[in-house]
Protein backbone atom coordinates (compact mmCIF):
# COMPACT_ATOMS: atom_id res chain seq x y z
CA UNK A 1 46.42 84.66 65.74
CA UNK A 2 48.06 88.03 66.12
CA UNK A 3 51.37 86.41 66.99
CA UNK A 4 51.34 84.45 63.81
CA UNK A 5 50.74 87.53 61.70
CA UNK A 6 53.67 89.48 63.19
CA UNK A 7 56.22 87.37 61.39
CA UNK A 8 54.82 88.40 57.98
CA UNK A 9 55.39 91.86 56.45
CA UNK A 10 52.04 93.66 56.76
CA UNK A 11 52.36 95.28 53.31
CA UNK A 12 52.86 91.91 51.66
CA UNK A 13 49.91 90.48 53.58
CA UNK A 14 47.59 93.27 52.50
CA UNK A 15 48.68 92.98 48.85
CA UNK A 16 48.01 89.25 49.06
CA UNK A 17 44.59 89.96 50.57
CA UNK A 18 43.62 92.53 47.95
CA UNK A 19 44.89 90.30 45.11
CA UNK A 20 45.42 93.00 42.37
CA UNK A 21 46.45 90.46 39.60
CA UNK A 22 43.23 88.58 40.15
CA UNK A 23 41.11 91.41 38.78
CA UNK A 24 41.97 90.45 35.25
CA UNK A 25 39.27 87.79 35.94
CA UNK A 26 36.74 90.64 35.97
CA UNK A 27 38.27 92.66 33.15
CA UNK A 28 38.82 90.03 30.50
CA UNK A 29 35.21 88.82 29.92
CA UNK A 30 34.12 92.45 29.42
CA UNK A 31 37.08 93.09 27.08
CA UNK A 32 36.45 89.98 24.98
CA UNK A 33 32.69 90.45 24.78
CA UNK A 34 33.17 94.07 23.73
CA UNK A 35 35.93 93.16 21.26
CA UNK A 36 33.72 90.58 19.59
CA UNK A 37 30.92 93.17 19.29
CA UNK A 38 33.30 95.75 17.80
CA UNK A 39 34.77 93.18 15.40
CA UNK A 40 31.33 92.44 14.02
CA UNK A 41 29.65 95.86 14.16
CA UNK A 42 32.58 98.37 14.21
CA UNK A 43 30.61 100.17 16.96
CA UNK A 44 32.03 100.91 20.36
CA UNK A 45 30.10 102.48 23.21
CA UNK A 46 32.87 103.79 25.45
CA UNK A 47 30.67 104.90 28.35
CA UNK A 48 28.98 101.49 28.49
CA UNK A 49 32.35 99.70 28.30
CA UNK A 50 34.05 101.77 31.04
CA UNK A 51 30.99 101.55 33.33
CA UNK A 52 30.71 97.81 32.80
CA UNK A 53 34.43 97.39 33.50
CA UNK A 54 34.24 99.36 36.81
CA UNK A 55 31.15 97.43 37.83
CA UNK A 56 32.74 94.06 37.10
CA UNK A 57 35.79 94.98 39.20
CA UNK A 58 33.51 96.01 42.13
CA UNK A 59 31.46 92.88 41.86
CA UNK A 60 34.57 90.69 41.85
CA UNK A 61 35.74 92.62 44.91
CA UNK A 62 32.55 91.64 46.64
CA UNK A 63 33.08 87.99 45.73
CA UNK A 64 36.69 88.03 47.02
CA UNK A 65 35.80 89.90 50.19
CA UNK A 66 32.72 87.85 51.01
CA UNK A 67 34.67 84.64 50.36
CA UNK A 68 37.01 85.60 53.25
CA UNK A 69 33.98 86.28 55.40
CA UNK A 70 32.27 82.98 54.72
CA UNK A 71 35.46 80.99 54.90
CA UNK A 72 36.19 82.48 58.32
CA UNK A 73 32.99 80.76 59.53
CA UNK A 74 34.13 77.29 58.50
CA UNK A 75 37.63 77.50 59.90
CA UNK A 76 39.26 76.78 56.53
CA UNK A 77 41.19 80.10 56.67
CA UNK A 78 42.76 79.61 60.10
CA UNK A 79 46.21 79.39 58.44
CA UNK A 80 45.49 81.98 55.82
CA UNK A 81 47.40 84.97 57.15
CA UNK A 82 46.30 87.25 54.31
CA UNK A 83 42.54 86.71 54.94
CA UNK A 84 40.94 90.12 55.31
CA UNK A 85 39.03 88.85 58.33
CA UNK A 86 42.22 87.67 60.00
CA UNK A 87 44.07 90.90 59.15
CA UNK A 88 41.37 93.22 60.56
CA UNK A 89 39.82 90.95 63.21
CA UNK A 90 36.57 92.59 62.22
CA UNK A 91 34.32 90.29 60.25
CA UNK A 92 31.33 92.61 60.30
CA UNK A 93 33.37 95.46 58.79
CA UNK A 94 34.62 93.23 55.96
CA UNK A 95 31.13 91.85 55.37
CA UNK A 96 29.61 95.27 54.90
CA UNK A 97 32.59 96.48 52.83
CA UNK A 98 31.94 93.57 50.47
CA UNK A 99 28.24 94.34 50.26
CA UNK A 100 29.04 98.01 49.51
CA UNK A 101 31.18 96.92 46.55
CA UNK A 102 28.35 94.71 45.33
CA UNK A 103 25.80 97.58 45.62
CA UNK A 104 28.02 100.01 43.73
CA UNK A 105 28.73 97.46 41.02
CA UNK A 106 25.05 96.71 40.46
CA UNK A 107 24.30 100.46 40.34
CA UNK A 108 26.73 100.64 37.39
CA UNK A 109 24.95 97.80 35.62
CA UNK A 110 21.58 99.42 36.36
CA UNK A 111 22.88 102.61 34.76
CA UNK A 112 23.64 100.68 31.58
CA UNK A 113 20.15 99.09 31.65
CA UNK A 114 18.61 102.55 32.13
CA UNK A 115 20.66 104.10 29.26
CA UNK A 116 19.51 101.28 26.98
CA UNK A 117 15.92 100.91 28.43
CA UNK A 118 16.63 97.18 28.49
CA UNK A 119 16.86 94.99 31.66
CA UNK A 120 18.62 92.09 29.93
CA UNK A 121 22.15 92.93 31.10
CA UNK A 122 21.21 93.46 34.71
CA UNK A 123 19.31 90.10 34.65
CA UNK A 124 22.40 88.31 33.38
CA UNK A 125 24.67 89.93 35.92
CA UNK A 126 22.28 89.16 38.81
CA UNK A 127 22.49 85.52 37.70
CA UNK A 128 26.35 85.82 37.81
CA UNK A 129 26.07 87.19 41.36
CA UNK A 130 23.76 84.36 42.36
CA UNK A 131 26.31 81.80 41.12
CA UNK A 132 29.02 83.67 42.97
CA UNK A 133 27.04 83.53 46.25
CA UNK A 134 26.18 79.85 45.73
CA UNK A 135 29.86 79.12 45.37
CA UNK A 136 30.80 80.38 48.76
CA UNK A 137 27.74 81.42 50.78
CA UNK A 138 25.57 79.46 53.20
CA UNK A 139 23.57 77.28 52.96
CA UNK A 140 24.95 76.34 49.51
CA UNK A 141 28.76 76.49 49.71
CA UNK A 142 28.96 74.57 46.43
CA UNK A 143 32.71 75.25 46.30
CA UNK A 144 33.00 72.90 49.22
CA UNK A 145 31.46 70.14 47.08
CA UNK A 146 34.01 70.64 44.33
CA UNK A 147 31.57 72.52 41.98
CA UNK A 148 33.35 75.89 42.09
CA UNK A 149 35.12 75.50 38.70
CA UNK A 150 31.81 74.76 36.97
CA UNK A 151 30.15 77.84 38.51
CA UNK A 152 33.22 79.86 37.63
CA UNK A 153 33.12 78.69 34.01
CA UNK A 154 29.54 79.85 33.51
CA UNK A 155 29.72 83.08 35.52
CA UNK A 156 32.94 84.38 33.94
CA UNK A 157 32.52 82.68 30.58
CA UNK A 158 29.12 82.43 28.83
CA UNK A 159 27.24 84.75 31.12
CA UNK A 160 29.79 87.60 31.52
CA UNK A 161 31.03 87.56 27.94
CA UNK A 162 27.46 87.45 26.60
CA UNK A 163 26.41 90.29 28.88
CA UNK A 164 29.33 92.40 27.64
CA UNK A 165 28.44 91.66 24.04
CA UNK A 166 24.79 92.46 24.60
CA UNK A 167 25.62 95.72 26.37
CA UNK A 168 27.28 96.89 23.11
CA UNK A 169 24.82 95.46 20.57
CA UNK A 170 21.56 94.59 22.37
CA UNK A 171 21.56 91.38 20.42
CA UNK A 172 22.73 87.76 20.71
CA UNK A 173 25.47 86.10 18.74
CA UNK A 174 26.94 82.58 18.47
CA UNK A 175 30.45 83.99 17.96
CA UNK A 176 30.39 85.64 21.39
CA UNK A 177 29.10 82.41 22.90
CA UNK A 178 31.97 80.39 21.29
CA UNK A 179 34.48 83.01 22.51
CA UNK A 180 33.00 82.77 26.00
CA UNK A 181 33.91 79.07 26.20
CA UNK A 182 37.63 79.92 25.86
CA UNK A 183 37.36 82.68 28.46
CA UNK A 184 35.47 80.40 30.81
CA UNK A 185 38.10 77.71 30.60
CA UNK A 186 40.96 80.15 31.13
CA UNK A 187 39.22 81.65 34.16
CA UNK A 188 38.41 78.26 35.76
CA UNK A 189 42.12 77.33 35.53
CA UNK A 190 42.88 80.03 38.09
CA UNK A 191 40.48 78.67 40.63
CA UNK A 192 41.61 75.06 39.93
CA UNK A 193 45.21 76.08 40.63
CA UNK A 194 44.32 77.70 43.97
CA UNK A 195 43.63 74.28 45.52
CA UNK A 196 46.98 72.59 45.08
CA UNK A 197 48.73 74.15 48.10
CA UNK A 198 45.85 73.91 50.59
CA UNK A 199 44.87 70.26 50.42
CA UNK A 200 45.39 69.68 54.12
CA UNK A 201 43.37 72.71 55.18
CA UNK A 202 40.59 71.76 52.70
CA UNK A 203 40.37 68.20 54.08
CA UNK A 204 40.36 69.50 57.66
CA UNK A 205 37.43 71.86 56.88
CA UNK A 206 35.56 69.20 54.92
CA UNK A 207 36.03 70.93 51.57
CA UNK A 208 35.95 68.45 48.70
CA UNK A 209 37.77 70.55 46.17
CA UNK A 210 38.70 68.99 42.81
CA UNK A 211 42.26 68.48 44.01
CA UNK A 212 41.06 66.76 47.22
CA UNK A 213 38.88 64.48 45.05
CA UNK A 214 41.46 63.79 42.36
CA UNK A 215 44.72 63.92 44.33
CA UNK A 216 47.46 66.36 43.33
CA UNK A 217 49.17 64.10 40.75
CA UNK A 218 45.93 63.47 38.80
CA UNK A 219 44.88 67.04 39.28
CA UNK A 220 48.17 68.21 37.61
CA UNK A 221 47.36 66.06 34.60
CA UNK A 222 43.80 67.42 34.39
CA UNK A 223 45.15 70.98 34.55
CA UNK A 224 47.48 70.21 31.68
CA UNK A 225 44.66 68.86 29.48
CA UNK A 226 42.34 71.86 30.18
CA UNK A 227 45.14 74.37 29.70
CA UNK A 228 46.10 72.77 26.39
CA UNK A 229 42.47 72.68 25.23
CA UNK A 230 42.32 76.53 24.83
CA UNK A 231 44.58 76.56 21.81
CA UNK A 232 43.16 73.86 19.51
CA UNK A 233 39.66 75.14 20.35
CA UNK A 234 40.55 78.58 19.12
CA UNK A 235 42.06 77.08 15.96
CA UNK A 236 38.95 75.00 15.40
CA UNK A 237 36.68 78.03 15.57
CA UNK A 238 38.99 79.90 13.12
CA UNK A 239 38.75 76.98 10.71
CA UNK A 240 34.97 76.94 11.09
CA UNK A 241 34.97 80.63 10.13
CA UNK A 242 33.59 81.85 13.48
CA UNK A 243 36.73 83.65 14.59
CA UNK A 244 39.05 85.82 12.50
CA UNK A 245 42.51 84.38 11.94
CA UNK A 246 43.98 87.21 13.99
CA UNK A 247 42.55 85.58 17.12
CA UNK A 248 45.37 83.07 16.83
CA UNK A 249 47.50 85.83 18.36
CA UNK A 250 46.34 84.19 21.63
CA UNK A 251 48.81 81.42 20.89
CA UNK A 252 51.52 83.88 21.89
CA UNK A 253 50.47 83.06 25.45
CA UNK A 254 51.74 79.47 25.02
CA UNK A 255 55.00 80.07 26.94
CA UNK A 256 52.91 80.90 30.02
CA UNK A 257 50.76 77.80 29.49
CA UNK A 258 53.90 75.63 29.23
CA UNK A 259 55.32 77.23 32.33
CA UNK A 260 52.12 76.57 34.30
CA UNK A 261 51.79 72.99 33.30
CA UNK A 262 55.46 72.09 33.87
CA UNK A 263 55.51 73.89 37.23
CA UNK A 264 52.46 72.05 38.53
CA UNK A 265 53.49 68.67 37.14
CA UNK A 266 56.84 68.97 38.94
CA UNK A 267 55.63 70.47 42.22
CA UNK A 268 52.01 69.39 42.66
CA UNK A 269 52.66 67.71 46.02
CA UNK A 270 54.89 70.47 47.44
CA UNK A 271 52.59 73.18 48.83
CA UNK A 272 55.31 75.76 49.37
CA UNK A 273 56.51 75.46 45.78
CA UNK A 274 53.17 75.08 44.00
CA UNK A 275 51.41 77.89 45.87
CA UNK A 276 52.32 80.47 43.22
CA UNK A 277 50.82 78.44 40.33
CA UNK A 278 47.56 80.44 40.41
CA UNK A 279 49.56 83.58 39.49
CA UNK A 280 51.00 81.76 36.49
CA UNK A 281 47.47 80.78 35.61
CA UNK A 282 46.50 84.49 35.85
CA UNK A 283 49.24 85.20 33.30
CA UNK A 284 47.81 82.52 30.95
CA UNK A 285 44.34 83.98 31.42
CA UNK A 286 45.44 87.63 30.96
CA UNK A 287 47.57 87.23 27.87
CA UNK A 288 45.47 84.61 26.10
CA UNK A 289 42.27 86.68 26.59
CA UNK A 290 43.93 90.03 25.81
CA UNK A 291 45.41 88.81 22.56
CA UNK A 292 42.31 86.85 21.68
CA UNK A 293 40.14 89.99 21.98
CA UNK A 294 42.75 91.98 20.03
CA UNK A 295 42.27 89.56 17.18
CA UNK A 296 38.61 90.59 16.89
CA UNK A 297 39.49 94.33 17.04
CA UNK A 298 42.11 93.91 14.25
């Protein structure tokens, strides 16, 4: 394995392993949930927001790190040069590094619960962590059954956004739940896109990802429909009076959505060309959620 890694720049491999752009997945649910709360109450608890943000990043780091650990056990990552386990050749170290991130993240959420004398937020986040483990960890490995996108939708959509909203207001709200649907779809797109370039490895490891089940051509069409659904849904909720009209600022992310759909439709069966589509999906997620949340703040 070492001889394979030598031909790749180490700095590039480590950056790919750490995945800095992917952490918008942790940030945006907290941003949107907090923005909805501020839009409705004009109250902002900065300490709670910053603590929740740091905790969400640490918990996502645990998910990413432990994913490399669990995938190393199935052999699916044998050609993944930027796997942390492959880079360090020390699975135990990576495993405990991931668990440390999880512990620190949960300590932050516990601090919020202690400040508010309310265990609701920690309960919701523990459920998110359970879904994250079931996605990748034994004996569940539900991602190998093609259920990862569904788990991702709930963990990073309804659960995370609702938890962020509750952390600011200690109450429930249908507007935050509606907003969480858009965030959940946008987040699931990133995971969906990560399968197009690794169909052969997935099949070899027995992973029945959505793209393995659908095929790349049909998968590209499904991606287009789900990407497109974000925009009419936001308009519908504006027309229903649930979202302020300013949330239509999220439509400014349409160029990234067009770029993503066109790129995948043209290159779905060419792994070397389609492998970057998840980063275009990250741009769709980041800009649509950032501008969507800004609409509530305005």
